[in-house]
Amino acid sequence: WREKRKERPIEFSVLEAMWEALSGGVTAIGVFWILEGYGVNELA
């Protein structure tokens, strides 16, 4: 949002922010489960 705002005025969208947060959380959990399945160290 900050990068796009430099080019042209753009409003902050709470809905898009929530979508990015939710997709980030789901992606993180999915990647964590995949790595756990392969036996990667938990902290890594």
PDB file of all heavy atoms in Angstrom:
ATOM      1  N   TRP A   1       0.826  -1.205   0.000  1.00  0.00           N
ATOM      2  CA  TRP A   1       0.000   0.000   0.000  1.00  0.00           C
ATOM      3  C   TRP A   1       0.862   1.256   0.000  1.00  0.00           C
ATOM      4  O   TRP A   1       0.593   2.212  -0.723  1.00  0.00           O
ATOM      5  CB  TRP A   1      -0.936  -0.022   1.209  1.00  0.00           C
ATOM      6  CG  TRP A   1      -1.741   1.216   1.377  1.00  0.00           C
ATOM      7  CD1 TRP A   1      -2.801   1.633   0.619  1.00  0.00           C
ATOM      8  CD2 TRP A   1      -1.541   2.225   2.369  1.00  0.00           C
ATOM      9  NE1 TRP A   1      -3.280   2.828   1.081  1.00  0.00           N
ATOM     10  CE2 TRP A   1      -2.528   3.218   2.161  1.00  0.00           C
ATOM     11  CE3 TRP A   1      -0.646   2.368   3.419  1.00  0.00           C
ATOM     12  CZ2 TRP A   1      -2.615   4.342   2.959  1.00  0.00           C
ATOM     13  CZ3 TRP A   1      -0.741   3.491   4.215  1.00  0.00           C
ATOM     14  CH2 TRP A   1      -1.722   4.459   3.974  1.00  0.00           C
ATOM     15  N   ARG A   2       1.923   1.240   0.792  1.00  0.00           N
ATOM     16  CA  ARG A   2       2.810   2.404   0.852  1.00  0.00           C
ATOM     17  C   ARG A   2       3.506   2.636  -0.479  1.00  0.00           C
ATOM     18  O   ARG A   2       3.687   3.772  -0.911  1.00  0.00           O
ATOM     19  CB  ARG A   2       3.841   2.231   1.962  1.00  0.00           C
ATOM     20  CG  ARG A   2       3.242   2.386   3.342  1.00  0.00           C
ATOM     21  CD  ARG A   2       4.250   2.218   4.424  1.00  0.00           C
ATOM     22  NE  ARG A   2       5.290   3.233   4.292  1.00  0.00           N
ATOM     23  CZ  ARG A   2       6.492   3.114   4.796  1.00  0.00           C
ATOM     24  NH1 ARG A   2       6.826   2.045   5.464  1.00  0.00           N
ATOM     25  NH2 ARG A   2       7.379   4.062   4.639  1.00  0.00           N
ATOM     26  N   GLU A   3       3.904   1.542  -1.165  1.00  0.00           N
ATOM     27  CA  GLU A   3       4.536   1.676  -2.475  1.00  0.00           C
ATOM     28  C   GLU A   3       3.556   2.212  -3.515  1.00  0.00           C
ATOM     29  O   GLU A   3       3.900   3.073  -4.315  1.00  0.00           O
ATOM     30  CB  GLU A   3       5.101   0.327  -2.934  1.00  0.00           C
ATOM     31  CG  GLU A   3       6.335  -0.104  -2.181  1.00  0.00           C
ATOM     32  CD  GLU A   3       7.502   0.858  -2.378  1.00  0.00           C
ATOM     33  OE1 GLU A   3       7.736   1.320  -3.505  1.00  0.00           O
ATOM     34  OE2 GLU A   3       8.169   1.159  -1.371  1.00  0.00           O
ATOM     35  N   LYS A   4       2.325   1.715  -3.516  1.00  0.00           N
ATOM     36  CA  LYS A   4       1.314   2.176  -4.470  1.00  0.00           C
ATOM     37  C   LYS A   4       0.924   3.627  -4.199  1.00  0.00           C
ATOM     38  O   LYS A   4       0.606   4.366  -5.131  1.00  0.00           O
ATOM     39  CB  LYS A   4       0.068   1.288  -4.396  1.00  0.00           C
ATOM     40  CG  LYS A   4       0.274  -0.091  -4.945  1.00  0.00           C
ATOM     41  CD  LYS A   4      -0.990  -0.907  -4.773  1.00  0.00           C
ATOM     42  CE  LYS A   4      -0.759  -2.347  -5.157  1.00  0.00           C
ATOM     43  NZ  LYS A   4      -1.945  -3.169  -4.868  1.00  0.00           N
ATOM     44  N   ARG A   5       0.934   4.010  -2.939  1.00  0.00           N
ATOM     45  CA  ARG A   5       0.550   5.369  -2.559  1.00  0.00           C
ATOM     46  C   ARG A   5       1.551   6.393  -3.081  1.00  0.00           C
ATOM     47  O   ARG A   5       1.196   7.543  -3.329  1.00  0.00           O
ATOM     48  CB  ARG A   5       0.439   5.460  -1.043  1.00  0.00           C
ATOM     49  CG  ARG A   5      -0.267   6.702  -0.561  1.00  0.00           C
ATOM     50  CD  ARG A   5      -0.379   6.718   0.911  1.00  0.00           C
ATOM     51  NE  ARG A   5       0.979   6.762   1.476  1.00  0.00           N
ATOM     52  CZ  ARG A   5       1.246   6.939   2.742  1.00  0.00           C
ATOM     53  NH1 ARG A   5       0.267   7.072   3.592  1.00  0.00           N
ATOM     54  NH2 ARG A   5       2.478   6.963   3.181  1.00  0.00           N
ATOM     55  N   LYS A   6       2.791   5.992  -3.285  1.00  0.00           N
ATOM     56  CA  LYS A   6       3.789   6.915  -3.834  1.00  0.00           C
ATOM     57  C   LYS A   6       3.455   7.280  -5.275  1.00  0.00           C
ATOM     58  O   LYS A   6       3.736   8.382  -5.720  1.00  0.00           O
ATOM     59  CB  LYS A   6       5.180   6.286  -3.778  1.00  0.00           C
ATOM     60  CG  LYS A   6       5.741   6.177  -2.389  1.00  0.00           C
ATOM     61  CD  LYS A   6       7.093   5.514  -2.412  1.00  0.00           C
ATOM     62  CE  LYS A   6       7.626   5.319  -1.013  1.00  0.00           C
ATOM     63  NZ  LYS A   6       8.884   4.568  -1.010  1.00  0.00           N
ATOM     64  N   GLU A   7       2.888   6.327  -6.024  1.00  0.00           N
ATOM     65  CA  GLU A   7       2.564   6.563  -7.429  1.00  0.00           C
ATOM     66  C   GLU A   7       1.307   7.417  -7.586  1.00  0.00           C
ATOM     67  O   GLU A   7       1.258   8.305  -8.422  1.00  0.00           O
ATOM     68  CB  GLU A   7       2.371   5.231  -8.148  1.00  0.00           C
ATOM     69  CG  GLU A   7       3.607   4.370  -8.160  1.00  0.00           C
ATOM     70  CD  GLU A   7       3.330   2.953  -8.624  1.00  0.00           C
ATOM     71  OE1 GLU A   7       2.195   2.669  -9.059  1.00  0.00           O
ATOM     72  OE2 GLU A   7       4.254   2.143  -8.557  1.00  0.00           O
ATOM     73  N   ARG A   8       0.263   7.090  -6.822  1.00  0.00           N
ATOM     74  CA  ARG A   8      -0.996   7.820  -6.903  1.00  0.00           C
ATOM     75  C   ARG A   8      -1.703   7.695  -5.564  1.00  0.00           C
ATOM     76  O   ARG A   8      -1.478   6.742  -4.824  1.00  0.00           O
ATOM     77  CB  ARG A   8      -1.880   7.293  -8.023  1.00  0.00           C
ATOM     78  CG  ARG A   8      -2.284   5.851  -7.859  1.00  0.00           C
ATOM     79  CD  ARG A   8      -3.106   5.366  -9.054  1.00  0.00           C
ATOM     80  NE  ARG A   8      -3.281   3.942  -9.011  1.00  0.00           N
ATOM     81  CZ  ARG A   8      -4.220   3.315  -8.309  1.00  0.00           C
ATOM     82  NH1 ARG A   8      -5.076   3.991  -7.585  1.00  0.00           N
ATOM     83  NH2 ARG A   8      -4.318   2.008  -8.335  1.00  0.00           N
ATOM     84  N   PRO A   9      -2.593   8.640  -5.249  1.00  0.00           N
ATOM     85  CA  PRO A   9      -3.325   8.553  -3.975  1.00  0.00           C
ATOM     86  C   PRO A   9      -4.246   7.336  -3.969  1.00  0.00           C
ATOM     87  O   PRO A   9      -5.004   7.116  -4.904  1.00  0.00           O
ATOM     88  CB  PRO A   9      -4.141   9.836  -3.913  1.00  0.00           C
ATOM     89  CG  PRO A   9      -3.749  10.657  -5.076  1.00  0.00           C
ATOM     90  CD  PRO A   9      -2.886   9.859  -5.976  1.00  0.00           C
ATOM     91  N   ILE A  10      -4.143   6.533  -2.950  1.00  0.00           N
ATOM     92  CA  ILE A  10      -4.960   5.327  -2.834  1.00  0.00           C
ATOM     93  C   ILE A  10      -5.377   5.183  -1.369  1.00  0.00           C
ATOM     94  O   ILE A  10      -4.578   5.432  -0.465  1.00  0.00           O
ATOM     95  CB  ILE A  10      -4.202   4.080  -3.333  1.00  0.00           C
ATOM     96  CG1 ILE A  10      -5.097   2.872  -3.394  1.00  0.00           C
ATOM     97  CG2 ILE A  10      -2.974   3.830  -2.521  1.00  0.00           C
ATOM     98  CD1 ILE A  10      -4.472   1.676  -4.098  1.00  0.00           C
ATOM     99  N   GLU A  11      -6.629   4.788  -1.171  1.00  0.00           N
ATOM    100  CA  GLU A  11      -7.133   4.629   0.190  1.00  0.00           C
ATOM    101  C   GLU A  11      -6.715   3.284   0.767  1.00  0.00           C
ATOM    102  O   GLU A  11      -6.552   2.306   0.042  1.00  0.00           O
ATOM    103  CB  GLU A  11      -8.657   4.730   0.190  1.00  0.00           C
ATOM    104  CG  GLU A  11      -9.168   6.111  -0.103  1.00  0.00           C
ATOM    105  CD  GLU A  11     -10.667   6.194   0.044  1.00  0.00           C
ATOM    106  OE1 GLU A  11     -11.245   5.372   0.781  1.00  0.00           O
ATOM    107  OE2 GLU A  11     -11.253   7.081  -0.577  1.00  0.00           O
ATOM    108  N   PHE A  12      -6.564   3.269   2.072  1.00  0.00           N
ATOM    109  CA  PHE A  12      -6.263   2.027   2.782  1.00  0.00           C
ATOM    110  C   PHE A  12      -7.545   1.197   2.861  1.00  0.00           C
ATOM    111  O   PHE A  12      -8.569   1.669   3.328  1.00  0.00           O
ATOM    112  CB  PHE A  12      -5.749   2.334   4.190  1.00  0.00           C
ATOM    113  CG  PHE A  12      -5.257   1.131   4.926  1.00  0.00           C
ATOM    114  CD1 PHE A  12      -3.960   0.705   4.783  1.00  0.00           C
ATOM    115  CD2 PHE A  12      -6.101   0.420   5.769  1.00  0.00           C
ATOM    116  CE1 PHE A  12      -3.495  -0.399   5.465  1.00  0.00           C
ATOM    117  CE2 PHE A  12      -5.656  -0.685   6.453  1.00  0.00           C
ATOM    118  CZ  PHE A  12      -4.345  -1.091   6.302  1.00  0.00           C
ATOM    119  N   SER A  13      -7.494  -0.042   2.377  1.00  0.00           N
ATOM    120  CA  SER A  13      -8.664  -0.909   2.374  1.00  0.00           C
ATOM    121  C   SER A  13      -8.548  -1.934   3.509  1.00  0.00           C
ATOM    122  O   SER A  13      -7.651  -2.785   3.490  1.00  0.00           O
ATOM    123  CB  SER A  13      -8.781  -1.626   1.036  1.00  0.00           C
ATOM    124  OG  SER A  13      -9.792  -2.600   1.090  1.00  0.00           O
ATOM    125  N   VAL A  14      -9.440  -1.843   4.473  1.00  0.00           N
ATOM    126  CA  VAL A  14      -9.432  -2.774   5.594  1.00  0.00           C
ATOM    127  C   VAL A  14      -9.752  -4.186   5.110  1.00  0.00           C
ATOM    128  O   VAL A  14      -9.161  -5.165   5.584  1.00  0.00           O
ATOM    129  CB  VAL A  14     -10.432  -2.323   6.684  1.00  0.00           C
ATOM    130  CG1 VAL A  14     -10.526  -3.342   7.799  1.00  0.00           C
ATOM    131  CG2 VAL A  14     -10.030  -0.971   7.236  1.00  0.00           C
ATOM    132  N   LEU A  15     -10.661  -4.304   4.142  1.00  0.00           N
ATOM    133  CA  LEU A  15     -11.033  -5.619   3.617  1.00  0.00           C
ATOM    134  C   LEU A  15      -9.841  -6.298   2.942  1.00  0.00           C
ATOM    135  O   LEU A  15      -9.581  -7.484   3.174  1.00  0.00           O
ATOM    136  CB  LEU A  15     -12.196  -5.479   2.637  1.00  0.00           C
ATOM    137  CG  LEU A  15     -12.772  -6.780   2.108  1.00  0.00           C
ATOM    138  CD1 LEU A  15     -13.345  -7.608   3.254  1.00  0.00           C
ATOM    139  CD2 LEU A  15     -13.829  -6.505   1.064  1.00  0.00           C
ATOM    140  N   GLU A  16      -9.109  -5.557   2.116  1.00  0.00           N
ATOM    141  CA  GLU A  16      -7.927  -6.131   1.476  1.00  0.00           C
ATOM    142  C   GLU A  16      -6.848  -6.468   2.501  1.00  0.00           C
ATOM    143  O   GLU A  16      -6.146  -7.478   2.360  1.00  0.00           O
ATOM    144  CB  GLU A  16      -7.375  -5.168   0.432  1.00  0.00           C
ATOM    145  CG  GLU A  16      -8.210  -5.102  -0.820  1.00  0.00           C
ATOM    146  CD  GLU A  16      -7.596  -4.165  -1.852  1.00  0.00           C
ATOM    147  OE1 GLU A  16      -6.373  -3.930  -1.807  1.00  0.00           O
ATOM    148  OE2 GLU A  16      -8.360  -3.669  -2.686  1.00  0.00           O
ATOM    149  N   ALA A  17      -6.699  -5.638   3.518  1.00  0.00           N
ATOM    150  CA  ALA A  17      -5.713  -5.911   4.565  1.00  0.00           C
ATOM    151  C   ALA A  17      -6.069  -7.188   5.317  1.00  0.00           C
ATOM    152  O   ALA A  17      -5.198  -8.012   5.604  1.00  0.00           O
ATOM    153  CB  ALA A  17      -5.626  -4.733   5.529  1.00  0.00           C
ATOM    154  N   MET A  18      -7.368  -7.354   5.617  1.00  0.00           N
ATOM    155  CA  MET A  18      -7.791  -8.585   6.306  1.00  0.00           C
ATOM    156  C   MET A  18      -7.583  -9.801   5.409  1.00  0.00           C
ATOM    157  O   MET A  18      -7.186 -10.868   5.885  1.00  0.00           O
ATOM    158  CB  MET A  18      -9.258  -8.466   6.724  1.00  0.00           C
ATOM    159  CG  MET A  18      -9.461  -7.530   7.893  1.00  0.00           C
ATOM    160  SD  MET A  18     -11.183  -7.218   8.381  1.00  0.00           S
ATOM    161  CE  MET A  18     -12.085  -8.629   7.905  1.00  0.00           C
ATOM    162  N   TRP A  19      -7.844  -9.662   4.112  1.00  0.00           N
ATOM    163  CA  TRP A  19      -7.645 -10.774   3.181  1.00  0.00           C
ATOM    164  C   TRP A  19      -6.171 -11.164   3.124  1.00  0.00           C
ATOM    165  O   TRP A  19      -5.826 -12.349   3.146  1.00  0.00           O
ATOM    166  CB  TRP A  19      -8.152 -10.418   1.789  1.00  0.00           C
ATOM    167  CG  TRP A  19      -7.746 -11.431   0.775  1.00  0.00           C
ATOM    168  CD1 TRP A  19      -6.821 -11.289  -0.207  1.00  0.00           C
ATOM    169  CD2 TRP A  19      -8.225 -12.784   0.678  1.00  0.00           C
ATOM    170  NE1 TRP A  19      -6.701 -12.454  -0.905  1.00  0.00           N
ATOM    171  CE2 TRP A  19      -7.553 -13.395  -0.385  1.00  0.00           C
ATOM    172  CE3 TRP A  19      -9.158 -13.519   1.392  1.00  0.00           C
ATOM    173  CZ2 TRP A  19      -7.779 -14.710  -0.759  1.00  0.00           C
ATOM    174  CZ3 TRP A  19      -9.377 -14.838   1.014  1.00  0.00           C
ATOM    175  CH2 TRP A  19      -8.702 -15.413  -0.045  1.00  0.00           C
ATOM    176  N   GLU A  20      -5.282 -10.185   3.031  1.00  0.00           N
ATOM    177  CA  GLU A  20      -3.846 -10.480   3.004  1.00  0.00           C
ATOM    178  C   GLU A  20      -3.398 -11.135   4.309  1.00  0.00           C
ATOM    179  O   GLU A  20      -2.583 -12.058   4.298  1.00  0.00           O
ATOM    180  CB  GLU A  20      -3.036  -9.209   2.749  1.00  0.00           C
ATOM    181  CG  GLU A  20      -3.069  -8.731   1.334  1.00  0.00           C
ATOM    182  CD  GLU A  20      -2.339  -9.649   0.377  1.00  0.00           C
ATOM    183  OE1 GLU A  20      -1.346 -10.288   0.768  1.00  0.00           O
ATOM    184  OE2 GLU A  20      -2.768  -9.714  -0.783  1.00  0.00           O
ATOM    185  N   ALA A  21      -3.917 -10.662   5.430  1.00  0.00           N
ATOM    186  CA  ALA A  21      -3.559 -11.247   6.723  1.00  0.00           C
ATOM    187  C   ALA A  21      -4.041 -12.689   6.805  1.00  0.00           C
ATOM    188  O   ALA A  21      -3.296 -13.585   7.225  1.00  0.00           O
ATOM    189  CB  ALA A  21      -4.148 -10.423   7.856  1.00  0.00           C
ATOM    190  N   LEU A  22      -5.284 -12.933   6.387  1.00  0.00           N
ATOM    191  CA  LEU A  22      -5.828 -14.291   6.431  1.00  0.00           C
ATOM    192  C   LEU A  22      -5.081 -15.224   5.485  1.00  0.00           C
ATOM    193  O   LEU A  22      -4.723 -16.345   5.859  1.00  0.00           O
ATOM    194  CB  LEU A  22      -7.321 -14.268   6.073  1.00  0.00           C
ATOM    195  CG  LEU A  22      -8.028 -15.617   6.118  1.00  0.00           C
ATOM    196  CD1 LEU A  22      -8.032 -16.156   7.543  1.00  0.00           C
ATOM    197  CD2 LEU A  22      -9.427 -15.492   5.578  1.00  0.00           C
ATOM    198  N   SER A  23      -4.804 -14.768   4.282  1.00  0.00           N
ATOM    199  CA  SER A  23      -4.085 -15.635   3.342  1.00  0.00           C
ATOM    200  C   SER A  23      -2.658 -15.886   3.816  1.00  0.00           C
ATOM    201  O   SER A  23      -2.112 -16.970   3.621  1.00  0.00           O
ATOM    202  CB  SER A  23      -4.096 -15.034   1.940  1.00  0.00           C
ATOM    203  OG  SER A  23      -3.376 -13.831   1.892  1.00  0.00           O
ATOM    204  N   GLY A  24      -2.050 -14.889   4.471  1.00  0.00           N
ATOM    205  CA  GLY A  24      -0.716 -15.097   5.035  1.00  0.00           C
ATOM    206  C   GLY A  24      -0.726 -16.132   6.146  1.00  0.00           C
ATOM    207  O   GLY A  24       0.157 -16.983   6.228  1.00  0.00           O
ATOM    208  N   GLY A  25      -1.748 -16.080   7.008  1.00  0.00           N
ATOM    209  CA  GLY A  25      -1.857 -17.063   8.090  1.00  0.00           C
ATOM    210  C   GLY A  25      -2.069 -18.477   7.565  1.00  0.00           C
ATOM    211  O   GLY A  25      -1.433 -19.433   8.024  1.00  0.00           O
ATOM    212  N   VAL A  26      -2.950 -18.618   6.587  1.00  0.00           N
ATOM    213  CA  VAL A  26      -3.216 -19.944   6.010  1.00  0.00           C
ATOM    214  C   VAL A  26      -1.981 -20.470   5.280  1.00  0.00           C
ATOM    215  O   VAL A  26      -1.627 -21.646   5.392  1.00  0.00           O
ATOM    216  CB  VAL A  26      -4.444 -19.879   5.068  1.00  0.00           C
ATOM    217  CG1 VAL A  26      -4.595 -21.156   4.275  1.00  0.00           C
ATOM    218  CG2 VAL A  26      -5.704 -19.599   5.863  1.00  0.00           C
ATOM    219  N   THR A  27      -1.298 -19.585   4.553  1.00  0.00           N
ATOM    220  CA  THR A  27      -0.074 -19.987   3.858  1.00  0.00           C
ATOM    221  C   THR A  27       0.983 -20.449   4.854  1.00  0.00           C
ATOM    222  O   THR A  27       1.644 -21.467   4.641  1.00  0.00           O
ATOM    223  CB  THR A  27       0.474 -18.816   3.025  1.00  0.00           C
ATOM    224  OG1 THR A  27      -0.523 -18.412   2.096  1.00  0.00           O
ATOM    225  CG2 THR A  27       1.723 -19.209   2.281  1.00  0.00           C
ATOM    226  N   ALA A  28       1.145 -19.708   5.940  1.00  0.00           N
ATOM    227  CA  ALA A  28       2.154 -20.073   6.942  1.00  0.00           C
ATOM    228  C   ALA A  28       1.858 -21.429   7.562  1.00  0.00           C
ATOM    229  O   ALA A  28       2.754 -22.264   7.717  1.00  0.00           O
ATOM    230  CB  ALA A  28       2.231 -19.003   8.022  1.00  0.00           C
ATOM    231  N   ILE A  29       0.590 -21.669   7.895  1.00  0.00           N
ATOM    232  CA  ILE A  29       0.240 -22.960   8.494  1.00  0.00           C
ATOM    233  C   ILE A  29       0.444 -24.086   7.491  1.00  0.00           C
ATOM    234  O   ILE A  29       0.981 -25.152   7.824  1.00  0.00           O
ATOM    235  CB  ILE A  29      -1.203 -22.924   9.027  1.00  0.00           C
ATOM    236  CG1 ILE A  29      -1.283 -22.005  10.247  1.00  0.00           C
ATOM    237  CG2 ILE A  29      -1.681 -24.326   9.403  1.00  0.00           C
ATOM    238  CD1 ILE A  29      -2.684 -21.749  10.734  1.00  0.00           C
ATOM    239  N   GLY A  30       0.057 -23.863   6.240  1.00  0.00           N
ATOM    240  CA  GLY A  30       0.234 -24.892   5.213  1.00  0.00           C
ATOM    241  C   GLY A  30       1.692 -25.229   4.982  1.00  0.00           C
ATOM    242  O   GLY A  30       2.077 -26.401   4.914  1.00  0.00           O
ATOM    243  N   VAL A  31       2.527 -24.207   4.876  1.00  0.00           N
ATOM    244  CA  VAL A  31       3.961 -24.445   4.675  1.00  0.00           C
ATOM    245  C   VAL A  31       4.553 -25.129   5.901  1.00  0.00           C
ATOM    246  O   VAL A  31       5.376 -26.046   5.770  1.00  0.00           O
ATOM    247  CB  VAL A  31       4.683 -23.111   4.362  1.00  0.00           C
ATOM    248  CG1 VAL A  31       6.190 -23.269   4.418  1.00  0.00           C
ATOM    249  CG2 VAL A  31       4.248 -22.586   3.004  1.00  0.00           C
ATOM    250  N   PHE A  32       4.124 -24.735   7.084  1.00  0.00           N
ATOM    251  CA  PHE A  32       4.627 -25.375   8.307  1.00  0.00           C
ATOM    252  C   PHE A  32       4.280 -26.860   8.326  1.00  0.00           C
ATOM    253  O   PHE A  32       5.123 -27.697   8.653  1.00  0.00           O
ATOM    254  CB  PHE A  32       4.055 -24.675   9.541  1.00  0.00           C
ATOM    255  CG  PHE A  32       4.530 -25.257  10.835  1.00  0.00           C
ATOM    256  CD1 PHE A  32       5.800 -24.990  11.296  1.00  0.00           C
ATOM    257  CD2 PHE A  32       3.704 -26.076  11.586  1.00  0.00           C
ATOM    258  CE1 PHE A  32       6.254 -25.526  12.491  1.00  0.00           C
ATOM    259  CE2 PHE A  32       4.146 -26.617  12.783  1.00  0.00           C
ATOM    260  CZ  PHE A  32       5.424 -26.336  13.238  1.00  0.00           C
ATOM    261  N   TRP A  33       3.030 -27.206   7.979  1.00  0.00           N
ATOM    262  CA  TRP A  33       2.638 -28.619   7.959  1.00  0.00           C
ATOM    263  C   TRP A  33       3.429 -29.410   6.926  1.00  0.00           C
ATOM    264  O   TRP A  33       3.822 -30.551   7.171  1.00  0.00           O
ATOM    265  CB  TRP A  33       1.150 -28.764   7.672  1.00  0.00           C
ATOM    266  CG  TRP A  33       0.272 -28.577   8.861  1.00  0.00           C
ATOM    267  CD1 TRP A  33       0.623 -28.645  10.176  1.00  0.00           C
ATOM    268  CD2 TRP A  33      -1.122 -28.291   8.845  1.00  0.00           C
ATOM    269  NE1 TRP A  33      -0.460 -28.406  10.972  1.00  0.00           N
ATOM    270  CE2 TRP A  33      -1.543 -28.190  10.181  1.00  0.00           C
ATOM    271  CE3 TRP A  33      -2.046 -28.097   7.831  1.00  0.00           C
ATOM    272  CZ2 TRP A  33      -2.860 -27.916  10.520  1.00  0.00           C
ATOM    273  CZ3 TRP A  33      -3.356 -27.818   8.180  1.00  0.00           C
ATOM    274  CH2 TRP A  33      -3.754 -27.736   9.507  1.00  0.00           C
ATOM    275  N   ILE A  34       3.658 -28.825   5.771  1.00  0.00           N
ATOM    276  CA  ILE A  34       4.438 -29.510   4.737  1.00  0.00           C
ATOM    277  C   ILE A  34       5.858 -29.764   5.232  1.00  0.00           C
ATOM    278  O   ILE A  34       6.387 -30.874   5.097  1.00  0.00           O
ATOM    279  CB  ILE A  34       4.445 -28.691   3.437  1.00  0.00           C
ATOM    280  CG1 ILE A  34       3.059 -28.727   2.791  1.00  0.00           C
ATOM    281  CG2 ILE A  34       5.503 -29.208   2.469  1.00  0.00           C
ATOM    282  CD1 ILE A  34       2.875 -27.753   1.651  1.00  0.00           C
ATOM    283  N   LEU A  35       6.479 -28.748   5.836  1.00  0.00           N
ATOM    284  CA  LEU A  35       7.840 -28.916   6.337  1.00  0.00           C
ATOM    285  C   LEU A  35       7.892 -29.901   7.492  1.00  0.00           C
ATOM    286  O   LEU A  35       8.854 -30.666   7.623  1.00  0.00           O
ATOM    287  CB  LEU A  35       8.417 -27.564   6.747  1.00  0.00           C
ATOM    288  CG  LEU A  35       8.637 -26.580   5.596  1.00  0.00           C
ATOM    289  CD1 LEU A  35       9.076 -25.230   6.137  1.00  0.00           C
ATOM    290  CD2 LEU A  35       9.641 -27.121   4.610  1.00  0.00           C
ATOM    291  N   GLU A  36       6.876 -29.903   8.347  1.00  0.00           N
ATOM    292  CA  GLU A  36       6.824 -30.883   9.438  1.00  0.00           C
ATOM    293  C   GLU A  36       6.715 -32.302   8.874  1.00  0.00           C
ATOM    294  O   GLU A  36       7.298 -33.227   9.417  1.00  0.00           O
ATOM    295  CB  GLU A  36       5.623 -30.606  10.356  1.00  0.00           C
ATOM    296  CG  GLU A  36       5.891 -29.603  11.429  1.00  0.00           C
ATOM    297  CD  GLU A  36       6.934 -30.077  12.419  1.00  0.00           C
ATOM    298  OE1 GLU A  36       6.768 -31.170  13.005  1.00  0.00           O
ATOM    299  OE2 GLU A  36       7.915 -29.356  12.602  1.00  0.00           O
ATOM    300  N   GLY A  37       5.960 -32.447   7.805  1.00  0.00           N
ATOM    301  CA  GLY A  37       5.826 -33.754   7.170  1.00  0.00           C
ATOM    302  C   GLY A  37       7.147 -34.281   6.634  1.00  0.00           C
ATOM    303  O   GLY A  37       7.382 -35.486   6.615  1.00  0.00           O
ATOM    304  N   TYR A  38       8.005 -33.364   6.196  1.00  0.00           N
ATOM    305  CA  TYR A  38       9.325 -33.761   5.706  1.00  0.00           C
ATOM    306  C   TYR A  38      10.353 -33.880   6.824  1.00  0.00           C
ATOM    307  O   TYR A  38      11.506 -34.205   6.572  1.00  0.00           O
ATOM    308  CB  TYR A  38       9.824 -32.769   4.658  1.00  0.00           C
ATOM    309  CG  TYR A  38       9.210 -33.000   3.300  1.00  0.00           C
ATOM    310  CD1 TYR A  38       8.280 -32.121   2.778  1.00  0.00           C
ATOM    311  CD2 TYR A  38       9.558 -34.105   2.539  1.00  0.00           C
ATOM    312  CE1 TYR A  38       7.707 -32.332   1.541  1.00  0.00           C
ATOM    313  CE2 TYR A  38       9.003 -34.331   1.305  1.00  0.00           C
ATOM    314  CZ  TYR A  38       8.080 -33.437   0.810  1.00  0.00           C
ATOM    315  OH  TYR A  38       7.522 -33.655  -0.420  1.00  0.00           O
ATOM    316  N   GLY A  39       9.951 -33.589   8.043  1.00  0.00           N
ATOM    317  CA  GLY A  39      10.839 -33.762   9.192  1.00  0.00           C
ATOM    318  C   GLY A  39      11.839 -32.636   9.391  1.00  0.00           C
ATOM    319  O   GLY A  39      12.886 -32.833   9.999  1.00  0.00           O
ATOM    320  N   VAL A  40      11.520 -31.446   8.899  1.00  0.00           N
ATOM    321  CA  VAL A  40      12.401 -30.291   9.078  1.00  0.00           C
ATOM    322  C   VAL A  40      12.324 -29.843  10.544  1.00  0.00           C
ATOM    323  O   VAL A  40      11.275 -29.953  11.178  1.00  0.00           O
ATOM    324  CB  VAL A  40      11.977 -29.150   8.120  1.00  0.00           C
ATOM    325  CG1 VAL A  40      12.793 -27.889   8.348  1.00  0.00           C
ATOM    326  CG2 VAL A  40      12.098 -29.603   6.685  1.00  0.00           C
ATOM    327  N   ASN A  41      13.421 -29.328  11.057  1.00  0.00           N
ATOM    328  CA  ASN A  41      13.480 -28.803  12.424  1.00  0.00           C
ATOM    329  C   ASN A  41      12.347 -27.798  12.625  1.00  0.00           C
ATOM    330  O   ASN A  41      12.074 -26.969  11.757  1.00  0.00           O
ATOM    331  CB  ASN A  41      14.838 -28.148  12.641  1.00  0.00           C
ATOM    332  CG  ASN A  41      15.017 -27.600  14.033  1.00  0.00           C
ATOM    333  OD1 ASN A  41      14.061 -27.449  14.789  1.00  0.00           O
ATOM    334  ND2 ASN A  41      16.253 -27.308  14.370  1.00  0.00           N
ATOM    335  N   GLU A  42      11.710 -27.842  13.802  1.00  0.00           N
ATOM    336  CA  GLU A  42      10.549 -26.987  14.070  1.00  0.00           C
ATOM    337  C   GLU A  42      10.866 -25.501  13.956  1.00  0.00           C
ATOM    338  O   GLU A  42      10.090 -24.731  13.390  1.00  0.00           O
ATOM    339  CB  GLU A  42       9.961 -27.276  15.457  1.00  0.00           C
ATOM    340  CG  GLU A  42       9.176 -28.559  15.556  1.00  0.00           C
ATOM    341  CD  GLU A  42      10.033 -29.760  15.891  1.00  0.00           C
ATOM    342  OE1 GLU A  42      11.262 -29.581  16.101  1.00  0.00           O
ATOM    343  OE2 GLU A  42       9.487 -30.862  15.931  1.00  0.00           O
ATOM    344  N   LEU A  43      11.996 -25.072  14.509  1.00  0.00           N
ATOM    345  CA  LEU A  43      12.339 -23.650  14.462  1.00  0.00           C
ATOM    346  C   LEU A  43      12.620 -23.192  13.043  1.00  0.00           C
ATOM    347  O   LEU A  43      12.225 -22.091  12.645  1.00  0.00           O
ATOM    348  CB  LEU A  43      13.535 -23.360  15.366  1.00  0.00           C
ATOM    349  CG  LEU A  43      13.273 -23.491  16.861  1.00  0.00           C
ATOM    350  CD1 LEU A  43      14.553 -23.251  17.642  1.00  0.00           C
ATOM    351  CD2 LEU A  43      12.192 -22.532  17.300  1.00  0.00           C
ATOM    352  N   ALA A  44      13.282 -24.029  12.257  1.00  0.00           N
ATOM    353  CA  ALA A  44      13.522 -23.688  10.857  1.00  0.00           C
ATOM    354  C   ALA A  44      12.198 -23.637  10.098  1.00  0.00           C
ATOM    355  O   ALA A  44      11.989 -22.758   9.250  1.00  0.00           O
ATOM    356  CB  ALA A  44      14.459 -24.709  10.216  1.00  0.00           C
TER     357      ALA A  44
END
